[in-house]
N, C-alpha and C. Protein backbone atom coordinates (compact mmCIF):
# COMPACT_ATOMS: atom_id res chain seq x y z
N UNK A 1 95.16 96.10 95.50
CA UNK A 1 96.35 95.58 95.99
C UNK A 1 97.62 96.73 95.91
N UNK A 2 97.45 97.41 94.89
CA UNK A 2 98.35 98.65 94.58
C UNK A 2 98.20 99.60 95.76
N UNK A 3 96.85 99.77 96.03
CA UNK A 3 96.66 100.96 97.00
C UNK A 3 97.03 100.47 98.43
N UNK A 4 96.79 99.14 98.68
CA UNK A 4 97.29 98.81 100.10
C UNK A 4 98.78 98.63 100.02
N UNK A 5 99.46 98.24 99.11
CA UNK A 5 101.02 98.42 99.15
C UNK A 5 101.48 99.58 99.30
N UNK A 6 100.68 100.73 98.63
CA UNK A 6 101.22 102.00 98.82
C UNK A 6 101.06 102.76 100.17
N UNK A 7 99.87 102.14 100.81
CA UNK A 7 99.68 102.79 102.18
C UNK A 7 100.71 102.04 103.13
N UNK A 8 101.01 100.90 102.90
CA UNK A 8 102.02 99.95 103.64
C UNK A 8 103.52 100.76 103.53
N UNK A 9 103.67 101.15 102.46
CA UNK A 9 104.87 101.67 102.21
C UNK A 9 105.06 103.27 102.90
N UNK A 10 104.01 103.85 102.98
CA UNK A 10 104.04 105.39 103.45
C UNK A 10 104.30 104.92 104.91
N UNK A 11 103.46 103.97 105.40
CA UNK A 11 103.51 103.91 107.00
C UNK A 11 104.86 103.49 107.47
N UNK A 12 105.46 102.54 106.52
CA UNK A 12 106.88 101.91 106.89
C UNK A 12 107.79 103.12 106.97
N UNK A 13 107.73 103.97 105.73
CA UNK A 13 108.83 105.08 105.82
C UNK A 13 108.70 106.22 106.73
N UNK A 14 107.58 106.19 107.41
CA UNK A 14 107.28 107.53 108.22
C UNK A 14 108.47 107.61 109.19
N UNK A 15 108.87 106.43 109.84
CA UNK A 15 109.72 106.58 111.08
C UNK A 15 110.95 105.77 110.75
N UNK A 16 111.32 105.85 109.52
CA UNK A 16 112.72 105.08 109.47
C UNK A 16 113.74 105.93 108.96
N UNK A 17 114.96 105.46 109.08
CA UNK A 17 116.08 106.25 108.80
C UNK A 17 116.19 106.18 107.37
N UNK A 18 117.03 107.19 106.74
CA UNK A 18 117.34 107.21 105.23
C UNK A 18 118.21 105.95 104.75
N UNK A 19 118.87 105.33 105.64
CA UNK A 19 119.60 104.22 105.16
C UNK A 19 118.65 102.82 105.33
N UNK A 20 117.55 103.02 105.90
CA UNK A 20 116.61 101.85 106.02
C UNK A 20 115.76 101.63 104.93
N UNK A 21 115.69 102.81 104.14
CA UNK A 21 114.49 102.89 103.32
C UNK A 21 114.56 102.07 102.05
N UNK A 22 115.55 101.64 101.44
CA UNK A 22 115.77 100.64 100.55
C UNK A 22 115.17 99.37 100.79
N UNK A 23 115.83 98.89 102.02
CA UNK A 23 115.12 97.62 102.54
C UNK A 23 113.65 97.53 102.76
N UNK A 24 113.27 98.59 103.26
CA UNK A 24 111.81 98.74 103.68
C UNK A 24 111.13 98.57 102.41
N UNK A 25 111.42 99.45 101.54
CA UNK A 25 110.65 99.51 100.12
C UNK A 25 110.71 98.14 99.47
N UNK A 26 111.80 97.43 99.39
CA UNK A 26 112.01 96.00 98.96
C UNK A 26 111.06 95.09 99.54
N UNK A 27 111.04 95.06 100.92
CA UNK A 27 110.13 94.34 101.69
C UNK A 27 108.64 94.72 101.32
N UNK A 28 108.23 95.74 101.38
CA UNK A 28 106.94 96.17 101.03
C UNK A 28 106.55 95.62 99.71
N UNK A 29 107.37 95.77 98.59
CA UNK A 29 107.13 95.14 97.28
C UNK A 29 106.73 93.84 97.39
N UNK A 30 107.88 93.06 97.95
CA UNK A 30 107.62 91.55 98.04
C UNK A 30 106.38 91.34 98.83
N UNK A 31 106.14 91.84 100.06
CA UNK A 31 105.04 91.29 100.62
C UNK A 31 103.70 91.62 99.89
N UNK A 32 103.69 92.67 99.03
CA UNK A 32 102.54 92.95 98.08
C UNK A 32 102.35 91.98 97.06
N UNK A 33 103.34 91.61 96.58
CA UNK A 33 103.39 90.44 95.47
C UNK A 33 102.93 89.11 96.07
N UNK A 34 103.65 88.79 97.10
CA UNK A 34 103.18 87.54 97.90
C UNK A 34 101.63 87.50 98.24
N UNK A 35 101.17 88.46 98.80
CA UNK A 35 99.74 88.55 99.13
C UNK A 35 99.00 88.50 97.95
N UNK A 36 99.42 89.07 96.74
CA UNK A 36 98.40 89.09 95.37
C UNK A 36 98.59 87.43 95.02
N UNK A 37 99.78 86.95 94.88
CA UNK A 37 99.79 85.64 94.43
C UNK A 37 99.05 84.61 95.49
N UNK A 38 98.99 84.82 96.70
CA UNK A 38 98.22 84.09 97.66
C UNK A 38 96.80 83.99 97.50
N UNK A 39 96.45 85.19 97.00
CA UNK A 39 94.97 85.58 96.76
C UNK A 39 94.39 84.97 95.63
N UNK A 40 95.09 84.58 94.66
CA UNK A 40 94.83 83.98 93.60
C UNK A 40 93.86 82.68 93.62
N UNK A 41 92.73 82.69 93.05
CA UNK A 41 91.77 81.49 93.31
C UNK A 41 92.25 80.09 92.72
N UNK A 42 93.02 80.01 91.99
CA UNK A 42 93.51 78.84 91.42
C UNK A 42 95.03 78.46 91.73
N UNK A 43 95.12 77.20 92.16
CA UNK A 43 96.36 76.75 92.49
C UNK A 43 97.20 76.57 91.22
N UNK A 44 96.73 76.32 90.16
CA UNK A 44 97.35 76.29 88.91
C UNK A 44 98.07 77.68 88.50
N UNK A 45 97.23 78.57 88.71
CA UNK A 45 97.64 80.12 88.35
C UNK A 45 98.80 80.48 89.48
N UNK A 46 98.50 80.08 90.84
CA UNK A 46 99.59 80.39 91.70
C UNK A 46 100.92 79.72 91.28
N UNK A 47 100.83 78.49 90.68
CA UNK A 47 102.02 77.94 90.52
C UNK A 47 102.79 78.27 89.42
N UNK A 48 102.02 78.71 88.34
CA UNK A 48 102.29 79.39 87.16
C UNK A 48 103.17 80.81 87.45
N UNK A 49 102.32 81.51 88.31
CA UNK A 49 102.97 82.70 88.58
C UNK A 49 104.61 82.82 89.20
N UNK A 50 104.32 81.69 90.32
CA UNK A 50 105.57 81.56 91.09
C UNK A 50 106.74 80.99 90.22
N UNK A 51 106.39 80.21 89.52
CA UNK A 51 107.45 79.63 88.53
C UNK A 51 108.07 80.76 87.69
N UNK A 52 107.54 81.76 87.38
CA UNK A 52 108.18 82.63 86.46
C UNK A 52 108.87 83.34 87.26
N UNK A 53 108.64 83.53 88.64
CA UNK A 53 109.56 84.35 89.50
C UNK A 53 109.84 85.92 89.13
N UNK A 54 108.73 86.57 88.84
CA UNK A 54 108.97 87.91 88.41
C UNK A 54 108.99 88.66 89.81
N UNK A 55 109.70 89.82 89.56
CA UNK A 55 109.68 90.69 90.80
C UNK A 55 108.87 91.93 90.80
N UNK A 56 108.50 92.33 89.69
CA UNK A 56 107.71 93.47 89.36
C UNK A 56 106.24 92.99 89.36
N UNK A 57 105.29 93.91 90.10
CA UNK A 57 104.03 93.36 90.24
C UNK A 57 103.34 93.34 88.98
N UNK A 58 103.63 94.19 87.88
CA UNK A 58 102.92 94.27 86.81
C UNK A 58 103.12 93.10 86.04
N UNK A 59 104.42 92.45 85.91
CA UNK A 59 104.66 91.27 85.51
C UNK A 59 103.75 90.22 86.06
N UNK A 60 103.70 90.14 87.42
CA UNK A 60 102.97 88.93 88.16
C UNK A 60 101.51 89.09 87.73
N UNK A 61 100.93 90.32 87.71
CA UNK A 61 99.78 90.48 87.44
C UNK A 61 99.17 89.95 85.99
N UNK A 62 100.24 90.37 84.92
CA UNK A 62 100.00 90.18 83.64
C UNK A 62 100.17 88.48 83.37
N UNK A 63 101.05 87.90 84.17
CA UNK A 63 101.12 86.36 84.07
C UNK A 63 99.97 85.76 84.74
N UNK A 64 99.32 86.34 85.84
CA UNK A 64 98.16 85.66 86.24
C UNK A 64 96.83 85.97 85.45
N UNK A 65 96.93 86.95 84.64
CA UNK A 65 95.87 87.29 83.68
C UNK A 65 95.89 86.22 82.48
N UNK A 66 97.20 86.22 82.01
CA UNK A 66 97.19 85.28 80.92
C UNK A 66 96.82 83.79 81.20
N UNK A 67 97.22 83.28 82.39
CA UNK A 67 97.00 82.02 82.91
C UNK A 67 95.48 81.81 83.06
N UNK A 68 94.89 82.80 83.48
CA UNK A 68 93.49 82.63 83.76
C UNK A 68 92.71 82.88 82.50
N UNK A 69 93.35 83.51 81.61
CA UNK A 69 92.62 83.51 80.12
C UNK A 69 92.78 82.02 79.55
N UNK A 70 93.87 81.66 79.64
CA UNK A 70 94.10 80.24 79.07
C UNK A 70 93.20 79.21 79.54
N UNK A 71 92.94 79.33 80.96
CA UNK A 71 92.08 78.11 81.76
C UNK A 71 90.75 78.22 80.91
N UNK A 72 90.14 79.66 80.97
CA UNK A 72 88.96 79.76 80.61
C UNK A 72 88.79 79.33 79.13
N UNK A 73 89.57 79.89 78.23
CA UNK A 73 89.57 79.32 76.95
C UNK A 73 89.50 77.72 76.91
N UNK A 74 90.43 77.14 77.42
CA UNK A 74 90.45 75.68 77.45
C UNK A 74 88.96 75.18 77.98
N UNK A 75 88.53 75.79 78.93
CA UNK A 75 87.29 75.12 79.60
C UNK A 75 86.15 75.43 78.53
N UNK A 76 86.17 76.29 77.60
CA UNK A 76 84.89 76.72 76.70
C UNK A 76 85.02 75.59 75.58
N UNK A 77 86.16 75.19 75.28
CA UNK A 77 86.27 74.20 74.26
C UNK A 77 85.68 72.88 74.66
């Protein structure tokens, strides 16, 4: 996901004006985060991640991993 996001950012920045960069980078980050959450296999994990409303990818991924771990721990009991 990170690699795809980086490539998207590079491509978007190639032909943009300097004053457009901040908006493009913000949009690229939001798109990466949205795609990651949509790709999570569990609706419960998706809901939990969305409810935390993190804007940074690292926090989103950490929340998803924590929720996945909690689900597996509960299932093992």
